[in-house]
Amino acid sequence: VQLVESGGGLVQAGGSLRLSCAASGRTFSNYAMGWFRQAPGKEREFVATISWNIRNTYYADHLKGRFTISRDNAKNTVYLQMNSLRPEDTAVYYCAAGRPGPQVVETTAYDYWGQGTLVSVSS
């Protein structure tokens, strides 16, 4: 699976962005999709995941309520809607595909990764 993220950019605190991740190469709907982020000098952290059939979503506790993950299997695309952005949300955001089972927050549970898109939030 090849994954290409888009939609990052510079936004003021309190603003919104919607990230997209377009998939190709294998059957997109076979895979759970996740979003992770990595801030400068920090480890990559889990943001959200959505099951292959869209029935289940799971979020990092501290992002719940501000971020929403969704997917369109007909378009082979997963989205991350980010609202009320804060400077601490500044990071490179990555999408990932895999069959993580219960280990949805672990980077090692995903098989395919995009190259990332930078989100910068100014105060």
N, C-alpha and C. Protein backbone atom coordinates (compact mmCIF):
# COMPACT_ATOMS: atom_id res chain seq x y z
N VAL A 1 0.85 -1.19 0.00
CA VAL A 1 0.00 0.00 0.00
C VAL A 1 0.89 1.24 0.00
N GLN A 2 0.63 2.13 -0.93
CA GLN A 2 1.32 3.42 -0.93
C GLN A 2 0.37 4.47 -0.34
N LEU A 3 0.92 5.29 0.54
CA LEU A 3 0.11 6.28 1.25
C LEU A 3 0.71 7.66 1.03
N VAL A 4 -0.14 8.62 0.69
CA VAL A 4 0.32 9.98 0.46
C VAL A 4 -0.58 10.94 1.24
N GLU A 5 0.03 11.63 2.21
CA GLU A 5 -0.71 12.59 3.01
C GLU A 5 -0.72 13.96 2.35
N SER A 6 -1.73 14.73 2.65
CA SER A 6 -1.81 16.11 2.20
C SER A 6 -2.68 16.89 3.16
N GLY A 7 -2.64 18.23 3.02
CA GLY A 7 -3.52 19.07 3.83
C GLY A 7 -2.83 19.78 4.98
N GLY A 8 -1.56 19.49 5.21
CA GLY A 8 -0.85 20.18 6.27
C GLY A 8 -0.58 21.63 5.89
N GLY A 9 -0.12 22.39 6.86
CA GLY A 9 0.20 23.78 6.61
C GLY A 9 0.30 24.55 7.90
N LEU A 10 0.33 25.87 7.76
CA LEU A 10 0.43 26.78 8.90
C LEU A 10 -0.95 27.32 9.23
N VAL A 11 -1.30 27.25 10.50
CA VAL A 11 -2.61 27.72 10.94
C VAL A 11 -2.44 28.40 12.29
N GLN A 12 -3.30 29.36 12.56
CA GLN A 12 -3.27 30.02 13.86
C GLN A 12 -3.96 29.16 14.92
N ALA A 13 -3.56 29.35 16.14
CA ALA A 13 -4.21 28.65 17.25
C ALA A 13 -5.72 28.91 17.21
N GLY A 14 -6.47 27.85 17.44
CA GLY A 14 -7.92 27.92 17.38
C GLY A 14 -8.49 27.57 16.02
N GLY A 15 -7.63 27.48 15.03
CA GLY A 15 -8.08 27.16 13.68
C GLY A 15 -8.26 25.68 13.46
N SER A 16 -8.59 25.34 12.21
CA SER A 16 -8.85 23.94 11.84
C SER A 16 -8.08 23.58 10.59
N LEU A 17 -7.81 22.31 10.47
CA LEU A 17 -7.23 21.73 9.25
C LEU A 17 -7.84 20.36 9.05
N ARG A 18 -7.93 19.94 7.80
CA ARG A 18 -8.30 18.57 7.50
C ARG A 18 -7.19 17.93 6.69
N LEU A 19 -6.63 16.89 7.24
CA LEU A 19 -5.61 16.12 6.55
C LEU A 19 -6.27 15.00 5.76
N SER A 20 -5.66 14.68 4.63
CA SER A 20 -6.11 13.56 3.81
C SER A 20 -4.94 12.61 3.60
N CYS A 21 -5.28 11.36 3.42
CA CYS A 21 -4.27 10.34 3.11
C CYS A 21 -4.86 9.45 2.03
N ALA A 22 -4.27 9.52 0.85
CA ALA A 22 -4.73 8.73 -0.29
C ALA A 22 -3.92 7.46 -0.38
N ALA A 23 -4.60 6.34 -0.55
CA ALA A 23 -3.95 5.04 -0.61
C ALA A 23 -4.06 4.44 -2.01
N SER A 24 -3.05 3.67 -2.36
CA SER A 24 -3.07 2.96 -3.63
C SER A 24 -2.24 1.70 -3.49
N GLY A 25 -2.43 0.79 -4.40
CA GLY A 25 -1.57 -0.38 -4.48
C GLY A 25 -2.20 -1.67 -4.00
N ARG A 26 -2.97 -1.65 -2.96
CA ARG A 26 -3.65 -2.84 -2.46
C ARG A 26 -5.07 -2.44 -2.08
N THR A 27 -5.84 -3.41 -1.70
CA THR A 27 -7.24 -3.12 -1.37
C THR A 27 -7.30 -2.33 -0.07
N PHE A 28 -7.62 -1.06 -0.22
CA PHE A 28 -7.64 -0.14 0.92
C PHE A 28 -8.58 -0.62 2.01
N SER A 29 -9.72 -1.13 1.62
CA SER A 29 -10.73 -1.49 2.61
C SER A 29 -10.36 -2.72 3.42
N ASN A 30 -9.25 -3.36 3.09
CA ASN A 30 -8.79 -4.50 3.90
C ASN A 30 -8.07 -4.07 5.16
N TYR A 31 -7.73 -2.78 5.25
CA TYR A 31 -6.83 -2.33 6.30
C TYR A 31 -7.48 -1.34 7.25
N ALA A 32 -7.11 -1.47 8.51
CA ALA A 32 -7.36 -0.37 9.44
C ALA A 32 -6.40 0.75 9.10
N MET A 33 -6.83 1.98 9.38
CA MET A 33 -6.00 3.14 9.10
C MET A 33 -5.78 3.94 10.38
N GLY A 34 -4.57 4.43 10.51
CA GLY A 34 -4.26 5.22 11.70
C GLY A 34 -3.57 6.52 11.34
N TRP A 35 -3.66 7.46 12.25
CA TRP A 35 -2.89 8.70 12.18
C TRP A 35 -1.98 8.77 13.40
N PHE A 36 -0.74 9.13 13.14
CA PHE A 36 0.24 9.36 14.19
C PHE A 36 0.85 10.73 13.95
N ARG A 37 1.57 11.23 14.94
CA ARG A 37 2.27 12.50 14.75
C ARG A 37 3.60 12.46 15.50
N GLN A 38 4.52 13.28 15.02
CA GLN A 38 5.83 13.35 15.64
C GLN A 38 6.27 14.81 15.68
N ALA A 39 6.40 15.31 16.90
CA ALA A 39 6.88 16.67 17.10
C ALA A 39 8.41 16.65 17.17
N PRO A 40 9.04 17.78 16.91
CA PRO A 40 10.51 17.83 16.95
C PRO A 40 11.06 17.36 18.28
N GLY A 41 11.99 16.43 18.22
CA GLY A 41 12.63 15.94 19.42
C GLY A 41 11.81 14.96 20.24
N LYS A 42 10.67 14.58 19.72
CA LYS A 42 9.80 13.65 20.45
C LYS A 42 9.57 12.38 19.65
N GLU A 43 9.08 11.36 20.34
CA GLU A 43 8.75 10.11 19.68
C GLU A 43 7.41 10.25 18.93
N ARG A 44 7.26 9.39 17.96
CA ARG A 44 6.01 9.37 17.22
C ARG A 44 4.90 8.88 18.15
N GLU A 45 3.77 9.58 18.13
CA GLU A 45 2.69 9.23 19.03
C GLU A 45 1.40 8.97 18.28
N PHE A 46 0.60 8.11 18.85
CA PHE A 46 -0.69 7.74 18.28
C PHE A 46 -1.67 8.90 18.37
N VAL A 47 -2.46 9.08 17.30
CA VAL A 47 -3.49 10.10 17.28
C VAL A 47 -4.88 9.46 17.24
N ALA A 48 -5.11 8.64 16.21
CA ALA A 48 -6.44 8.05 16.03
C ALA A 48 -6.34 6.88 15.07
N THR A 49 -7.35 6.00 15.13
CA THR A 49 -7.42 4.90 14.19
C THR A 49 -8.88 4.61 13.85
N ILE A 50 -9.08 4.03 12.69
CA ILE A 50 -10.42 3.67 12.24
C ILE A 50 -10.35 2.29 11.61
N SER A 51 -11.34 1.46 11.92
CA SER A 51 -11.34 0.09 11.41
C SER A 51 -11.65 0.07 9.92
N TRP A 52 -11.38 -1.12 9.31
CA TRP A 52 -11.58 -1.24 7.87
C TRP A 52 -13.02 -1.01 7.47
N ASN A 53 -13.97 -1.38 8.35
CA ASN A 53 -15.39 -1.27 8.00
C ASN A 53 -16.03 0.00 8.56
N ILE A 54 -15.21 0.92 9.09
CA ILE A 54 -15.65 2.23 9.58
C ILE A 54 -16.47 2.13 10.86
N ARG A 55 -16.67 0.94 11.39
CA ARG A 55 -17.53 0.79 12.56
C ARG A 55 -16.86 1.26 13.84
N ASN A 56 -15.54 1.18 13.87
CA ASN A 56 -14.84 1.47 15.12
C ASN A 56 -13.79 2.54 14.93
N THR A 57 -13.78 3.50 15.85
CA THR A 57 -12.73 4.51 15.90
C THR A 57 -12.18 4.57 17.31
N TYR A 58 -10.96 5.01 17.40
CA TYR A 58 -10.31 5.11 18.71
C TYR A 58 -9.34 6.28 18.66
N TYR A 59 -9.33 7.05 19.75
CA TYR A 59 -8.52 8.26 19.80
C TYR A 59 -7.60 8.28 21.01
N ALA A 60 -6.50 8.98 20.87
CA ALA A 60 -5.70 9.31 22.04
C ALA A 60 -6.57 10.15 22.96
N ASP A 61 -6.54 9.83 24.22
CA ASP A 61 -7.44 10.49 25.18
C ASP A 61 -7.35 12.00 25.13
N HIS A 62 -6.14 12.51 25.03
CA HIS A 62 -5.96 13.96 25.13
C HIS A 62 -6.35 14.69 23.84
N LEU A 63 -6.69 13.93 22.79
CA LEU A 63 -7.11 14.55 21.54
C LEU A 63 -8.60 14.34 21.26
N LYS A 64 -9.20 13.50 22.04
CA LYS A 64 -10.62 13.19 21.85
C LYS A 64 -11.44 14.46 21.97
N GLY A 65 -12.37 14.63 21.04
CA GLY A 65 -13.23 15.81 21.06
C GLY A 65 -12.76 16.92 20.16
N ARG A 66 -11.47 16.96 19.83
CA ARG A 66 -10.95 17.97 18.91
C ARG A 66 -10.63 17.38 17.55
N PHE A 67 -10.23 16.11 17.52
CA PHE A 67 -9.84 15.45 16.27
C PHE A 67 -10.87 14.40 15.91
N THR A 68 -11.13 14.25 14.61
CA THR A 68 -12.06 13.24 14.12
C THR A 68 -11.46 12.52 12.93
N ILE A 69 -11.41 11.20 13.02
CA ILE A 69 -10.92 10.39 11.91
C ILE A 69 -12.11 9.85 11.14
N SER A 70 -11.96 9.78 9.83
CA SER A 70 -13.00 9.21 8.98
C SER A 70 -12.33 8.61 7.75
N ARG A 71 -13.08 7.83 6.99
CA ARG A 71 -12.53 7.24 5.78
C ARG A 71 -13.63 7.08 4.75
N ASP A 72 -13.20 7.09 3.51
CA ASP A 72 -14.10 6.86 2.38
C ASP A 72 -13.47 5.73 1.58
N ASN A 73 -13.99 4.53 1.74
CA ASN A 73 -13.39 3.38 1.07
C ASN A 73 -13.56 3.44 -0.44
N ALA A 74 -14.58 4.13 -0.90
CA ALA A 74 -14.77 4.27 -2.34
C ALA A 74 -13.69 5.17 -2.96
N LYS A 75 -13.15 6.08 -2.15
CA LYS A 75 -12.11 6.99 -2.63
C LYS A 75 -10.72 6.60 -2.15
N ASN A 76 -10.63 5.48 -1.42
CA ASN A 76 -9.33 5.03 -0.88
C ASN A 76 -8.63 6.13 -0.09
N THR A 77 -9.39 6.82 0.72
CA THR A 77 -8.85 7.97 1.43
C THR A 77 -9.31 7.95 2.90
N VAL A 78 -8.39 8.32 3.76
CA VAL A 78 -8.69 8.50 5.17
C VAL A 78 -8.42 9.97 5.51
N TYR A 79 -9.21 10.50 6.43
CA TYR A 79 -9.13 11.90 6.78
C TYR A 79 -8.90 12.08 8.27
N LEU A 80 -8.34 13.23 8.61
CA LEU A 80 -8.24 13.63 10.00
C LEU A 80 -8.66 15.10 10.08
N GLN A 81 -9.82 15.32 10.66
CA GLN A 81 -10.30 16.67 10.88
C GLN A 81 -9.79 17.14 12.23
N MET A 82 -9.09 18.27 12.23
CA MET A 82 -8.48 18.79 13.46
C MET A 82 -9.05 20.18 13.74
N ASN A 83 -9.69 20.31 14.87
CA ASN A 83 -10.30 21.58 15.26
C ASN A 83 -9.65 22.13 16.52
N SER A 84 -9.88 23.41 16.76
CA SER A 84 -9.35 24.06 17.97
C SER A 84 -7.87 23.76 18.15
N LEU A 85 -7.12 23.93 17.09
CA LEU A 85 -5.70 23.58 17.10
C LEU A 85 -4.92 24.44 18.08
N ARG A 86 -3.91 23.82 18.65
CA ARG A 86 -3.05 24.46 19.65
C ARG A 86 -1.61 24.39 19.19
N PRO A 87 -0.76 25.27 19.67
CA PRO A 87 0.66 25.20 19.28
C PRO A 87 1.27 23.83 19.56
N GLU A 88 0.84 23.16 20.60
CA GLU A 88 1.40 21.84 20.92
C GLU A 88 0.95 20.75 19.94
N ASP A 89 0.05 21.08 19.03
CA ASP A 89 -0.32 20.14 17.97
C ASP A 89 0.66 20.18 16.80
N THR A 90 1.60 21.11 16.86
CA THR A 90 2.60 21.21 15.79
C THR A 90 3.41 19.92 15.71
N ALA A 91 3.43 19.33 14.53
CA ALA A 91 4.11 18.04 14.33
C ALA A 91 4.02 17.66 12.86
N VAL A 92 4.78 16.66 12.51
CA VAL A 92 4.57 15.97 11.24
C VAL A 92 3.54 14.87 11.49
N TYR A 93 2.51 14.86 10.68
CA TYR A 93 1.43 13.90 10.82
C TYR A 93 1.57 12.82 9.75
N TYR A 94 1.50 11.58 10.21
CA TYR A 94 1.66 10.42 9.34
C TYR A 94 0.40 9.58 9.33
N CYS A 95 0.04 9.06 8.17
CA CYS A 95 -0.99 8.03 8.16
C CYS A 95 -0.33 6.67 7.99
N ALA A 96 -1.04 5.66 8.45
CA ALA A 96 -0.51 4.31 8.44
C ALA A 96 -1.63 3.34 8.15
N ALA A 97 -1.27 2.21 7.56
CA ALA A 97 -2.24 1.16 7.24
C ALA A 97 -1.74 -0.16 7.79
N GLY A 98 -2.67 -0.97 8.26
CA GLY A 98 -2.28 -2.27 8.77
C GLY A 98 -3.45 -3.01 9.35
N ARG A 99 -3.10 -4.09 10.01
CA ARG A 99 -4.11 -4.90 10.73
C ARG A 99 -3.64 -4.99 12.18
N PRO A 100 -3.80 -3.91 12.93
CA PRO A 100 -3.14 -3.81 14.24
C PRO A 100 -3.75 -4.65 15.33
N GLY A 101 -4.94 -5.19 15.14
CA GLY A 101 -5.57 -5.93 16.23
C GLY A 101 -5.77 -5.03 17.43
N PRO A 102 -5.53 -5.53 18.63
CA PRO A 102 -5.72 -4.70 19.82
C PRO A 102 -4.62 -3.66 20.04
N GLN A 103 -3.54 -3.74 19.29
CA GLN A 103 -2.38 -2.87 19.52
C GLN A 103 -2.47 -1.62 18.67
N VAL A 104 -3.62 -0.98 18.64
CA VAL A 104 -3.85 0.09 17.69
C VAL A 104 -2.98 1.32 17.92
N VAL A 105 -2.44 1.48 19.14
CA VAL A 105 -1.66 2.68 19.44
C VAL A 105 -0.17 2.48 19.16
N GLU A 106 0.21 1.28 18.77
CA GLU A 106 1.62 0.97 18.58
C GLU A 106 2.03 1.18 17.12
N THR A 107 3.12 1.90 16.91
CA THR A 107 3.60 2.11 15.54
C THR A 107 3.98 0.80 14.88
N THR A 108 4.47 -0.14 15.67
CA THR A 108 4.90 -1.42 15.12
C THR A 108 3.75 -2.28 14.62
N ALA A 109 2.53 -1.91 14.95
CA ALA A 109 1.37 -2.69 14.53
C ALA A 109 0.90 -2.35 13.12
N TYR A 110 1.49 -1.33 12.52
CA TYR A 110 1.10 -0.90 11.18
C TYR A 110 2.20 -1.23 10.18
N ASP A 111 1.78 -1.66 9.00
CA ASP A 111 2.73 -2.16 8.01
C ASP A 111 3.18 -1.12 7.00
N TYR A 112 2.33 -0.13 6.75
CA TYR A 112 2.60 0.82 5.68
C TYR A 112 2.46 2.24 6.23
N TRP A 113 3.35 3.11 5.75
CA TRP A 113 3.38 4.49 6.24
C TRP A 113 3.51 5.46 5.08
N GLY A 114 2.91 6.62 5.27
CA GLY A 114 3.13 7.72 4.35
C GLY A 114 4.38 8.50 4.72
N GLN A 115 4.65 9.52 3.94
CA GLN A 115 5.86 10.31 4.15
C GLN A 115 5.66 11.44 5.15
N GLY A 116 4.41 11.71 5.48
CA GLY A 116 4.11 12.73 6.48
C GLY A 116 3.77 14.08 5.88
N THR A 117 3.00 14.84 6.63
CA THR A 117 2.67 16.21 6.24
C THR A 117 2.80 17.09 7.48
N LEU A 118 3.42 18.24 7.31
CA LEU A 118 3.73 19.11 8.45
C LEU A 118 2.55 20.01 8.79
N VAL A 119 2.21 20.00 10.06
CA VAL A 119 1.20 20.92 10.60
C VAL A 119 1.90 21.84 11.59
N SER A 120 1.79 23.13 11.36
CA SER A 120 2.38 24.12 12.25
C SER A 120 1.28 25.03 12.78
N VAL A 121 1.20 25.15 14.10
CA VAL A 121 0.17 25.97 14.71
C VAL A 121 0.85 27.12 15.44
N SER A 122 0.54 28.33 15.03
CA SER A 122 1.15 29.51 15.65
C SER A 122 0.26 30.04 16.77
N SER A 123 0.91 30.63 17.75
CA SER A 123 0.16 31.15 18.90
C SER A 123 -0.27 32.59 18.67
